[in-house]
Protein backbone atom coordinates (compact mmCIF):
# COMPACT_ATOMS: atom_id res chain seq x y z
CA MET A 1 -32.83 -22.94 7.29
CA LYS A 2 -31.36 -24.32 4.31
CA LEU A 3 -34.04 -23.26 1.57
CA ASN A 4 -33.86 -19.59 2.91
CA PHE A 5 -29.64 -20.09 3.37
CA LEU A 6 -29.12 -18.68 -0.33
CA HIS A 7 -31.70 -15.66 0.48
CA GLN A 8 -30.01 -14.44 4.16
CA ASN A 9 -28.24 -11.55 4.25
CA THR A 10 -25.06 -10.93 5.94
CA GLU A 11 -26.51 -10.76 9.00
CA GLU A 12 -28.34 -13.59 8.90
CA ARG A 13 -25.54 -15.35 7.76
CA ARG A 14 -23.46 -14.09 10.94
CA ASP A 15 -25.91 -15.38 13.09
CA LEU A 16 -26.02 -18.70 11.33
CA ILE A 17 -21.99 -19.30 11.90
CA LEU A 18 -22.37 -18.31 15.62
CA ASN A 19 -25.48 -19.58 16.90
CA GLY A 20 -25.89 -22.83 14.59
CA SER A 21 -24.73 -26.32 14.79
CA ILE A 22 -20.92 -26.79 13.26
CA LEU A 23 -21.20 -29.56 11.38
CA SER A 24 -24.62 -28.10 9.47
CA THR A 25 -22.81 -24.63 9.07
CA LEU A 26 -19.46 -25.90 7.40
CA PHE A 27 -21.77 -27.93 5.58
CA LEU A 28 -23.99 -25.35 4.06
CA LEU A 29 -20.95 -22.79 3.65
CA SER A 30 -18.70 -25.51 2.00
CA VAL A 31 -20.93 -26.99 -0.64
CA PRO A 32 -21.02 -23.63 -2.82
CA THR A 33 -17.14 -23.47 -2.15
CA LEU A 34 -16.61 -27.56 -3.11
CA MET A 35 -18.91 -26.98 -5.82
CA MET A 36 -16.59 -24.19 -7.03
CA GLY A 37 -13.54 -25.75 -6.48
CA LEU A 38 -15.08 -28.80 -8.70
CA VAL A 39 -15.35 -26.73 -11.34
CA GLN A 40 -12.37 -24.34 -10.76
CA SER A 41 -10.65 -27.70 -11.00
CA ILE A 42 -12.47 -28.70 -14.79
CA ILE A 43 -11.20 -25.33 -16.13
CA PRO A 44 -7.91 -26.79 -15.77
CA VAL A 45 -8.55 -30.08 -17.49
CA MET A 46 -11.00 -28.96 -20.19
CA ASP A 47 -8.02 -26.41 -20.97
CA GLY A 48 -5.54 -29.33 -20.90
CA ILE A 49 -7.45 -31.35 -23.13
CA PHE A 50 -7.88 -28.43 -26.07
CA ILE A 51 -4.45 -27.33 -25.65
CA ASN A 52 -2.82 -31.32 -25.33
CA ASN A 53 -4.82 -32.44 -28.36
CA ILE A 54 -5.04 -29.40 -30.71
CA VAL A 55 -1.91 -27.26 -29.95
CA GLY A 56 0.03 -30.06 -29.39
CA THR A 57 2.86 -31.67 -26.76
CA ILE A 58 5.23 -28.51 -26.61
CA GLY A 59 2.48 -25.82 -26.46
CA ALA A 60 1.18 -27.96 -22.94
CA SER A 61 4.69 -28.06 -21.51
CA ALA A 62 5.04 -24.82 -22.42
CA ILE A 63 2.23 -23.65 -20.35
CA THR A 64 2.77 -26.35 -17.42
CA TYR A 65 6.31 -24.61 -17.28
CA SER A 66 4.46 -20.87 -16.97
CA GLY A 67 1.98 -21.79 -14.27
CA PRO A 68 3.82 -21.26 -11.55
CA ILE A 69 5.65 -17.62 -12.68
CA ILE A 70 1.93 -16.62 -13.12
CA ASN A 71 1.35 -17.36 -9.80
CA MET A 72 4.03 -15.72 -8.67
CA ALA A 73 2.89 -12.74 -10.31
CA ILE A 74 -0.46 -12.68 -8.65
CA ALA A 75 0.75 -13.59 -5.10
CA LEU A 76 0.16 -9.87 -4.07
CA SER A 77 -3.49 -10.73 -4.65
CA GLN A 78 -3.49 -14.05 -2.48
CA GLY A 79 -1.90 -12.46 0.22
CA LEU A 80 -4.27 -8.94 0.34
CA SER A 81 -7.27 -11.37 -0.14
CA VAL A 82 -6.49 -13.28 3.17
CA ALA A 83 -6.34 -9.95 4.76
CA ALA A 84 -9.36 -9.31 3.45
CA ILE A 85 -11.12 -12.46 4.95
CA ALA A 86 -9.71 -12.57 7.73
CA ILE A 87 -9.84 -8.11 8.89
CA ILE A 88 -13.98 -8.31 7.39
CA GLY A 89 -14.49 -11.68 8.62
CA GLN A 90 -14.01 -10.62 12.27
CA MET A 91 -15.71 -6.63 11.51
CA ASN A 92 -18.55 -8.97 10.54
CA GLY A 93 -18.67 -11.13 13.77
CA ARG A 94 -18.31 -7.87 15.76
CA GLY A 95 -21.89 -6.63 13.73
CA ASN A 96 -19.70 -4.11 12.52
CA TYR A 97 -21.38 -3.89 8.82
CA LYS A 98 -20.58 -0.72 8.24
CA LYS A 99 -16.46 -0.78 8.64
CA ALA A 100 -16.69 -4.47 6.77
CA LYS A 101 -17.97 -2.66 3.40
CA TYR A 102 -15.55 0.26 3.82
CA VAL A 103 -12.80 -2.29 3.78
CA SER A 104 -14.04 -4.19 1.06
CA THR A 105 -14.49 -1.15 -1.21
CA GLN A 106 -10.38 0.18 -0.28
CA VAL A 107 -9.19 -3.33 -1.11
CA VAL A 108 -11.16 -3.61 -4.53
CA VAL A 109 -9.31 -0.72 -5.69
CA PHE A 110 -6.24 -1.17 -4.38
CA ALA A 111 -6.02 -4.68 -5.97
CA PHE A 112 -6.68 -3.66 -8.99
CA ILE A 113 -4.29 -0.92 -9.16
CA ILE A 114 -1.21 -3.49 -8.16
CA GLY A 115 -2.57 -5.68 -10.67
CA LEU A 116 -2.62 -2.57 -13.31
CA ILE A 117 1.21 -2.17 -12.08
CA MET A 118 2.35 -6.11 -11.95
CA ALA A 119 1.26 -6.66 -15.76
CA PRO A 120 4.64 -4.79 -17.30
CA VAL A 121 6.36 -6.85 -14.58
CA LEU A 122 5.30 -10.22 -16.16
CA TYR A 123 5.63 -9.02 -19.57
CA PHE A 124 9.34 -7.96 -19.27
CA ILE A 125 9.68 -11.13 -17.47
CA ALA A 126 9.19 -13.10 -19.62
CA PHE A 127 12.47 -12.26 -21.86
CA PRO A 128 14.62 -13.70 -19.45
CA ILE A 129 12.77 -16.36 -18.13
CA SER A 130 12.09 -17.35 -22.28
CA SER A 131 15.66 -17.61 -23.08
CA ARG A 132 17.03 -20.12 -20.39
CA VAL A 133 14.62 -23.30 -21.33
CA ASP A 134 15.09 -25.94 -23.45
CA PRO A 135 15.07 -24.29 -27.09
CA GLN A 136 11.63 -26.46 -28.30
CA ILE A 137 9.79 -24.47 -25.74
CA SER A 138 11.47 -20.90 -25.52
CA HIS A 139 8.93 -19.18 -27.98
CA ASP A 140 6.09 -20.59 -26.38
CA VAL A 141 7.25 -19.87 -22.89
CA PHE A 142 7.78 -15.99 -24.19
CA LEU A 143 4.59 -15.75 -26.15
CA TYR A 144 2.36 -17.12 -23.24
CA LEU A 145 3.73 -15.18 -20.17
CA SER A 146 3.57 -12.40 -22.01
CA LEU A 147 0.40 -12.45 -23.49
CA ASN A 148 -0.96 -13.26 -19.87
CA SER A 149 0.22 -9.85 -18.69
CA LEU A 150 -3.01 -8.64 -20.04
CA VAL A 151 -4.98 -10.99 -18.27
CA LEU A 152 -3.53 -10.36 -14.73
CA PRO A 153 -5.58 -7.24 -13.56
CA PHE A 154 -9.08 -9.35 -13.73
CA LEU A 155 -7.08 -12.42 -11.97
CA PHE A 156 -6.57 -9.76 -9.24
CA LEU A 157 -10.17 -8.57 -9.11
CA GLU A 158 -11.46 -12.18 -8.98
CA ALA A 159 -9.26 -12.92 -5.84
CA ILE A 160 -10.78 -10.27 -3.98
CA TYR A 161 -14.38 -11.00 -5.03
CA ASN A 162 -13.88 -14.00 -3.80
CA SER A 163 -12.45 -12.96 -0.43
CA ILE A 164 -14.84 -10.64 0.07
CA LYS A 165 -17.85 -12.76 -0.35
CA ASN A 166 -16.68 -15.40 1.58
CA ALA A 167 -15.73 -12.93 4.81
CA ASN A 168 -19.37 -12.53 4.26
CA GLY A 169 -20.35 -15.96 4.85
CA LYS A 170 -21.44 -16.34 1.25
CA PRO A 171 -19.40 -18.34 -0.96
CA GLU A 172 -22.37 -19.01 -3.43
CA ALA A 173 -21.50 -16.22 -5.00
CA THR A 174 -18.04 -17.39 -5.76
CA PHE A 175 -19.80 -20.38 -6.72
CA ILE A 176 -21.69 -18.06 -9.67
CA ARG A 177 -18.88 -16.94 -10.49
CA MET A 178 -16.79 -19.72 -11.21
CA MET A 179 -19.90 -21.34 -13.04
CA LEU A 180 -19.96 -18.38 -15.29
CA MET A 181 -16.01 -18.76 -15.81
CA LEU A 182 -16.05 -22.59 -16.97
CA ILE A 183 -19.36 -21.63 -19.46
CA LEU A 184 -17.05 -19.13 -21.16
CA LYS A 185 -14.03 -20.34 -21.00
CA LEU A 186 -15.65 -23.28 -22.70
CA ILE A 187 -17.53 -21.40 -25.18
CA PHE A 188 -14.01 -19.14 -25.96
CA ASN A 189 -11.78 -22.47 -25.94
CA VAL A 190 -13.96 -23.74 -28.66
CA LEU A 191 -14.15 -20.41 -30.50
CA PHE A 192 -10.22 -19.53 -30.44
CA ILE A 193 -8.65 -22.88 -30.12
CA ALA A 194 -10.78 -25.47 -32.12
CA VAL A 195 -12.55 -23.17 -34.41
CA PHE A 196 -9.94 -20.25 -35.13
CA HIS A 197 -6.84 -22.38 -34.80
CA PHE A 198 -5.00 -19.77 -32.58
CA GLY A 199 -3.14 -22.45 -30.74
CA LEU A 200 -1.49 -21.08 -28.30
CA ILE A 201 -2.31 -17.23 -28.40
CA GLY A 202 -5.98 -18.88 -28.54
CA ALA A 203 -5.56 -20.11 -25.20
CA VAL A 204 -4.80 -16.90 -23.88
CA MET A 205 -7.82 -15.15 -26.03
CA SER A 206 -9.87 -17.50 -24.15
CA SER A 207 -8.58 -16.57 -20.85
CA PHE A 208 -8.90 -12.71 -21.68
CA ALA A 209 -12.18 -12.55 -23.27
CA ALA A 210 -13.55 -15.14 -20.08
CA ASN A 211 -11.98 -13.28 -17.37
CA LEU A 212 -12.72 -9.61 -19.06
CA LEU A 213 -16.83 -10.47 -18.63
CA ILE A 214 -16.43 -11.76 -15.46
CA CYS A 215 -15.17 -8.63 -13.70
CA ILE A 216 -17.67 -6.72 -15.69
CA TRP A 217 -20.21 -9.04 -13.66
CA MET A 218 -18.24 -8.83 -10.47
CA PHE A 219 -18.32 -4.50 -10.69
CA TYR A 220 -22.56 -5.00 -11.58
CA GLU A 221 -22.44 -7.54 -8.16
CA LEU A 222 -20.50 -5.16 -6.04
CA PHE A 223 -21.08 -1.58 -6.82
CA ILE A 224 -24.41 -1.79 -8.90
CA LYS A 225 -26.95 -4.48 -7.79
CA GLU A 226 -29.35 -3.69 -4.72
CA GLY A 227 -28.82 -5.28 -1.52
CA ASP A 228 -26.78 -5.13 2.27
CA ASP A 229 -23.57 -6.10 1.02
CA LYS A 230 -23.28 -3.05 -2.09
CA LEU A 231 -20.67 -1.49 -1.81
CA ILE A 232 -19.67 2.85 -2.22
CA ILE A 233 -17.66 3.82 -5.05
CA LYS A 234 -18.67 7.87 -4.97
CA GLY A 235 -15.99 9.77 -3.14
CA PHE A 236 -13.58 7.13 -2.66
CA LYS A 237 -10.40 8.00 -0.84
CA PHE A 238 -8.12 5.95 -0.37
CA ASP A 239 -7.33 5.50 3.74
CA PHE A 240 -3.85 4.63 4.06
CA LYS A 241 -4.31 3.23 7.87
CA VAL A 242 -6.53 0.56 6.28
CA LEU A 243 -4.08 -0.34 3.55
CA PHE A 244 -1.35 -0.50 5.74
CA LYS A 245 -3.25 -2.40 8.03
CA LEU A 246 -3.91 -4.61 5.05
CA ILE A 247 -0.41 -4.90 3.75
CA LYS A 248 1.18 -5.40 6.71
CA LEU A 249 -1.41 -8.48 7.36
CA GLY A 250 -1.20 -9.71 4.25
CA ILE A 251 3.07 -9.85 4.03
CA PRO A 252 3.09 -13.11 5.27
CA SER A 253 0.63 -14.11 3.08
CA MET A 254 2.44 -12.68 -0.16
CA LEU A 255 5.39 -14.38 0.61
CA SER A 256 3.81 -17.51 1.25
CA SER A 257 2.48 -17.71 -2.28
CA LEU A 258 5.59 -16.24 -3.72
CA MET A 259 7.86 -18.50 -1.99
CA LEU A 260 4.94 -21.72 -2.92
CA SER A 261 4.93 -20.69 -6.73
CA LEU A 262 8.72 -20.10 -6.73
CA GLY A 263 9.22 -23.33 -5.41
CA PHE A 264 6.90 -24.92 -7.78
CA PHE A 265 8.79 -22.98 -10.77
CA LEU A 266 12.24 -24.48 -9.16
CA ILE A 267 10.82 -27.88 -9.25
CA ASN A 268 9.76 -27.28 -12.50
CA ASN A 269 12.83 -26.51 -13.79
CA GLU A 270 14.11 -30.06 -12.62
CA ILE A 271 11.74 -31.66 -14.57
CA GLU A 272 12.19 -29.42 -17.82
CA LYS A 273 15.53 -30.66 -18.19
CA TYR A 274 14.12 -34.19 -18.53
CA GLY A 275 12.32 -32.46 -21.91
CA ALA A 276 8.85 -31.81 -23.09
CA ILE A 277 7.02 -35.51 -22.59
CA VAL A 278 7.91 -35.51 -19.08
CA LEU A 279 6.84 -31.79 -18.62
CA THR A 280 3.79 -32.63 -20.07
CA GLY A 281 2.98 -35.93 -18.49
CA GLN A 282 3.25 -33.86 -15.47
CA GLY A 283 0.98 -31.26 -16.58
CA ILE A 284 -1.81 -33.75 -17.25
CA ALA A 285 -1.46 -35.49 -13.69
CA GLY A 286 -1.32 -32.07 -12.00
CA ASN A 287 -4.58 -31.35 -14.04
CA ILE A 288 -6.27 -34.28 -13.12
CA THR A 289 -5.36 -34.25 -9.17
CA SER A 290 -6.11 -30.61 -8.98
CA VAL A 291 -9.46 -31.83 -8.17
CA CYS A 292 -8.79 -33.85 -5.90
CA PHE A 293 -6.48 -31.35 -4.13
CA ILE A 294 -9.19 -28.64 -4.16
CA LEU A 295 -12.01 -30.22 -3.11
CA PRO A 296 -10.54 -31.20 0.35
CA SER A 297 -8.58 -27.66 1.21
CA ALA A 298 -12.19 -26.08 -0.32
CA PHE A 299 -13.08 -26.44 3.79
CA GLY A 300 -10.08 -24.29 4.50
CA SER A 301 -12.24 -21.23 3.32
CA SER A 302 -14.85 -22.05 5.29
CA ILE A 303 -13.10 -22.75 8.35
CA THR A 304 -11.18 -19.58 8.34
CA THR A 305 -14.14 -17.72 8.00
CA MET A 306 -16.09 -19.47 10.77
CA VAL A 307 -13.22 -19.16 12.87
CA SER A 308 -12.85 -15.43 12.00
CA MET A 309 -16.37 -14.93 13.24
CA ASN A 310 -16.63 -16.89 16.21
CA VAL A 311 -13.36 -15.10 17.32
CA GLY A 312 -14.94 -12.23 16.92
CA ALA A 313 -17.52 -12.79 18.94
CA GLY A 314 -15.56 -14.19 21.94
CA GLN A 315 -16.56 -17.50 21.33
CA SER A 316 -13.09 -19.29 20.93
CA GLU A 317 -14.42 -22.66 22.17
CA LYS A 318 -16.09 -22.92 19.25
CA ALA A 319 -13.69 -21.38 16.55
CA ARG A 320 -11.71 -24.46 18.05
CA LYS A 321 -14.13 -26.99 17.22
CA SER A 322 -14.97 -25.51 14.06
CA CYS A 323 -11.29 -26.55 12.72
CA PHE A 324 -11.24 -30.09 14.19
CA GLN A 325 -14.39 -31.05 12.51
CA GLY A 326 -13.07 -29.65 9.39
CA CYS A 327 -10.06 -31.54 9.21
CA ILE A 328 -12.26 -35.03 9.82
CA VAL A 329 -14.33 -33.62 7.20
CA SER A 330 -11.47 -32.31 4.83
CA ALA A 331 -9.94 -36.17 5.45
CA ILE A 332 -12.53 -38.01 4.44
CA THR A 333 -13.60 -35.91 1.40
CA ALA A 334 -9.98 -36.90 0.19
CA ALA A 335 -9.93 -40.65 0.92
CA LEU A 336 -13.43 -41.15 -0.73
CA LEU A 337 -11.59 -39.14 -3.90
CA ILE A 338 -8.29 -41.20 -3.95
CA ALA A 339 -10.88 -44.33 -4.29
CA ILE A 340 -12.80 -42.95 -6.85
CA VAL A 341 -9.64 -41.09 -9.15
CA VAL A 342 -7.10 -43.90 -8.83
CA PRO A 343 -8.83 -46.64 -10.16
CA LEU A 344 -10.12 -44.35 -13.33
CA SER A 345 -6.62 -42.69 -14.13
CA PRO A 346 -5.71 -44.98 -17.23
CA TYR A 347 -9.55 -43.99 -18.63
CA LEU A 348 -8.91 -39.98 -17.65
CA THR A 349 -5.50 -39.27 -19.28
CA VAL A 350 -6.04 -41.18 -22.78
CA LEU A 351 -8.21 -37.89 -22.84
CA PHE A 352 -5.28 -35.55 -23.21
CA THR A 353 -3.21 -37.55 -25.70
CA ASN A 354 -2.46 -40.60 -27.30
CA ASN A 355 1.00 -40.73 -26.96
CA SER A 356 2.41 -43.77 -25.27
CA GLU A 357 4.98 -42.40 -23.60
CA VAL A 358 3.09 -39.50 -21.94
CA LEU A 359 0.57 -41.65 -20.84
CA GLN A 360 3.12 -43.67 -18.69
CA ILE A 361 4.83 -40.74 -17.28
CA ALA A 362 0.91 -39.64 -16.07
CA ASN A 363 -0.36 -42.34 -15.25
CA LYS A 364 2.44 -43.06 -12.56
CA SER A 365 2.69 -39.86 -11.33
CA LEU A 366 -1.01 -39.63 -10.58
CA HIS A 367 -1.09 -42.40 -8.58
CA ILE A 368 1.69 -40.76 -6.36
CA TYR A 369 0.28 -37.24 -6.54
CA THR A 370 -2.96 -38.68 -5.61
CA TYR A 371 -2.76 -40.11 -2.35
CA SER A 372 -0.81 -37.21 -0.63
CA VAL A 373 -4.38 -35.73 -0.85
CA ILE A 374 -5.53 -36.19 2.58
CA GLY A 375 -2.33 -34.78 4.39
CA PHE A 376 -2.78 -31.77 2.04
CA GLY A 377 -6.34 -31.36 2.93
CA ILE A 378 -5.75 -31.39 6.59
CA CYS A 379 -2.76 -28.79 6.40
CA MET A 380 -5.26 -26.36 4.18
CA VAL A 381 -7.84 -26.37 6.74
CA GLN A 382 -5.54 -26.13 9.90
CA GLN A 383 -4.03 -22.88 7.48
CA GLY A 384 -7.32 -21.78 7.19
CA ALA A 385 -8.30 -21.79 10.88
CA PHE A 386 -4.74 -19.36 11.52
CA ILE A 387 -5.44 -17.19 9.01
CA GLY A 388 -9.04 -17.03 10.86
CA LEU A 389 -7.24 -15.97 13.64
CA GLY A 390 -4.89 -13.32 12.24
CA ARG A 391 -1.89 -15.43 12.35
CA THR A 392 -0.96 -15.24 8.92
CA GLY A 393 2.62 -15.84 9.53
CA ILE A 394 2.16 -19.60 10.49
CA PRO A 395 1.02 -20.10 6.85
CA LEU A 396 3.76 -18.45 5.13
CA ILE A 397 6.23 -20.79 7.09
CA MET A 398 4.30 -23.57 6.63
CA SER A 399 4.41 -22.99 2.41
CA PHE A 400 8.38 -22.50 2.96
CA LEU A 401 8.77 -25.42 4.79
CA ARG A 402 6.42 -27.99 2.65
CA ILE A 403 7.98 -26.50 -0.23
CA TRP A 404 11.26 -25.63 -0.06
CA LEU A 405 12.96 -27.58 2.91
CA LEU A 406 10.50 -30.72 2.95
CA ARG A 407 9.85 -31.13 -0.75
CA TYR A 408 12.38 -29.29 -2.70
CA VAL A 409 15.29 -30.83 -0.67
CA PHE A 410 13.71 -34.22 -0.26
CA ILE A 411 13.79 -33.84 -4.79
CA LEU A 412 17.39 -33.03 -4.48
CA ALA A 413 18.57 -35.89 -2.52
CA THR A 414 16.62 -38.62 -4.09
CA GLU A 415 16.89 -37.61 -7.89
CA HIS A 416 20.07 -39.68 -8.72
CA VAL A 417 17.64 -42.44 -7.36
CA LEU A 418 14.30 -42.03 -8.67
CA GLY A 419 14.91 -39.64 -11.29
CA PHE A 420 12.19 -37.21 -12.26
CA TYR A 421 9.74 -39.34 -10.28
CA SER A 422 11.24 -37.86 -7.19
CA VAL A 423 9.42 -34.45 -7.82
CA PHE A 424 6.11 -36.87 -7.47
CA TRP A 425 7.29 -39.14 -4.45
CA GLY A 426 8.39 -35.53 -2.83
CA ASN A 427 5.23 -34.19 -3.22
CA LEU A 428 3.37 -37.45 -0.85
CA PHE A 429 5.98 -36.71 1.81
CA SER A 430 5.96 -33.23 2.01
CA ASN A 431 1.98 -33.04 2.08
CA TYR A 432 1.74 -35.52 5.06
CA MET A 433 5.05 -33.93 7.35
CA ALA A 434 3.06 -30.54 6.95
CA ALA A 435 0.27 -32.09 8.06
CA ILE A 436 1.51 -33.24 11.14
CA ILE A 437 3.36 -30.13 11.70
CA THR A 438 0.25 -28.20 11.60
CA THR A 439 -1.75 -30.54 13.52
CA ILE A 440 1.20 -29.82 16.09
CA LEU A 441 0.89 -26.37 16.25
CA ILE A 442 -2.96 -26.03 16.06
CA LEU A 443 -2.83 -28.12 19.71
CA ARG A 444 -0.72 -25.53 21.45
CA ILE A 445 -2.56 -22.47 19.75
CA LYS A 446 -4.54 -20.24 21.66
CA TRP A 447 -7.65 -19.41 20.27
CA VAL A 448 -8.08 -15.67 20.29
CA SER A 449 -7.79 -12.75 17.77
CA SER A 450 -4.24 -11.74 16.98
CA ILE A 451 -5.69 -8.96 15.29
CA ALA A 452 -7.71 -7.59 18.26
CA LYS A 453 -5.22 -8.24 20.29
CA LYS A 454 -3.11 -5.78 18.40
CA GLU A 455 -5.51 -3.19 18.16
CA ASN A 456 -6.10 -3.65 22.05
CA ASP A 457 -2.26 -3.08 22.88
CA VAL A 458 -2.40 -0.08 20.38
CA ASP A 459 -5.61 1.52 22.19
CA ASN A 460 -4.00 0.78 25.83
CA SER A 461 -0.51 2.25 24.88
CA ASN A 462 -2.59 5.49 23.65
CA LYS A 463 -4.52 5.56 26.80
CA LYS A 464 -1.41 5.46 29.04
CA LEU A 465 0.53 7.88 26.68
CA ALA A 466 -2.31 10.35 26.91
CA SER A 467 -2.67 9.98 31.06
CA ARG A 468 0.82 10.91 31.53
CA THR A 469 0.98 13.84 29.20
CA SER A 470 -2.51 15.22 30.64
């Protein structure tokens, strides 16, 4: 079965998820996602090494500060991708492949248009945001934000591509995309930053060139390459009923991503007032720990696929067991990463800079950050289960609690004692508290599809109305 895994069509992959062993299915689905997560986390590390060593501390701190703002701009794509996974995954679970491909086409076109609309928004908000930060980094913040508006539509498309492939039970496709991205980013970083010395502009040019080529490849994968997942664009018309359903289901996740990024933006504001050195140290720690955070949480997307297909097929008990086994595997993965990264931390941070002040902050914050990864991984797996059930409102609430109430309030309450280290301790506190809360909720949830329930309620209401009028 493992040898043929990469060559399975959507129906065969569905059969594996519905009838195979939970752990073996989880690993088969997660290994490509884990590998993708590893590659995805290497990209900011690689960018950070180039930027810190060649562009300098000011440019690096500007990028760290700007990250959450760009993430706020792409929050809509995250919401749409979450809704697409839930809807398409449950359609595949019911064996309705034709409708799943129809919805996939709708969300691809819609997401690209939204990305085009959001691009000028990011450009114009660069003016007020850059005007209120430390004058040292103000110009670089404006430059990075305004130029990234050109990359934004491609990021929307990539988020949707990932959701379609994950909903079809084919996470290896997203891994291939990320591998190509890593190779292209490395090539263009060397070209634009190391060879031509374009500085911060070169960093954005690298992202633009890599994402453009990736999206051309994705278009070929989705609309030209022959196969059972090929989408049809000819004669396309918007189906507003489908789009309304996607938006309605995606709004909680959109708000969740938006609130999450806004929380990080406000946290960066707390750090920014301590200067570029502290902001750069935090950015280095964040780049390195992204490996630790991405890998355990990568099981979440596999759990979303497994839960959505199993509840779509009426296998509630298997959906529940999938979630709990996913939590255990995620926690073990996180513990192994802590055991590896913490002893290596002083050898990792020196790859980014030789500034002793920056290194001192990066090393200490890296230790605090890393220990919070177990709680984060468990929380993300359980949120993946909620998404698979179509209960996207719960991840919204948890994102608000984790970043705003548990973390941001913690930072404000302890900053006078801990200084800027309150940000790192707040990360640890909020991730474990969030894991406790989601565990309590997951133990009380009913393992049935909220999407199918709403559709059945509407159908029953229509039937009753029709019988009355007749």
